[in-house]
Amino acid sequence: METVAGFAGGLLRELTFSPSSEDSELISVAQKEILSSFKFSE
């Protein structure tokens, strides 16, 4: 789980630091999807 979460986090950082305007909405959706997938109980 940690490896997958780390990979997803790294991928999101790459996308977030070099977004194109047409991809910004897709990146936002992808972040929400991944965050919901790895949501931890609070």
Protein backbone atom coordinates (compact mmCIF):
# COMPACT_ATOMS: atom_id res chain seq x y z
CA MET A 1 0.00 0.00 0.00
CA GLU A 2 2.76 2.46 0.94
CA THR A 3 4.62 1.75 -2.30
CA VAL A 4 1.51 2.39 -4.39
CA ALA A 5 0.65 5.53 -2.44
CA GLY A 6 4.23 6.78 -2.82
CA PHE A 7 4.15 6.14 -6.57
CA ALA A 8 0.80 7.91 -6.92
CA GLY A 9 2.08 10.84 -4.87
CA GLY A 10 5.19 11.14 -7.03
CA LEU A 11 3.10 10.99 -10.20
CA LEU A 12 0.77 13.71 -8.89
CA ARG A 13 3.75 15.93 -8.03
CA GLU A 14 5.12 15.53 -11.56
CA LEU A 15 1.75 16.44 -13.06
CA THR A 16 1.13 19.31 -10.66
CA PHE A 17 4.52 20.91 -11.29
CA SER A 18 4.16 20.79 -15.08
CA PRO A 19 0.45 21.11 -15.92
CA SER A 20 -0.88 22.39 -19.19
CA SER A 21 -4.05 24.48 -19.01
CA GLU A 22 -6.22 21.84 -20.68
CA ASP A 23 -4.94 19.18 -18.29
CA SER A 24 -5.48 21.13 -15.05
CA GLU A 25 -9.06 19.87 -14.65
CA LEU A 26 -8.02 16.26 -15.33
CA ILE A 27 -5.22 16.58 -12.77
CA SER A 28 -7.68 17.87 -10.18
CA VAL A 29 -10.00 14.92 -10.83
CA ALA A 30 -7.08 12.48 -10.69
CA GLN A 31 -5.94 13.91 -7.34
CA LYS A 32 -9.44 13.52 -5.89
CA GLU A 33 -9.73 9.95 -7.19
CA ILE A 34 -6.35 8.92 -5.74
CA LEU A 35 -6.97 10.67 -2.43
CA SER A 36 -10.34 8.92 -2.08
CA SER A 37 -8.70 5.61 -3.00
CA PHE A 38 -6.09 6.02 -0.25
CA LYS A 39 -8.30 7.69 2.35
CA PHE A 40 -7.27 6.63 5.86
CA SER A 41 -9.71 6.36 8.75
CA GLU A 42 -9.44 9.44 10.95
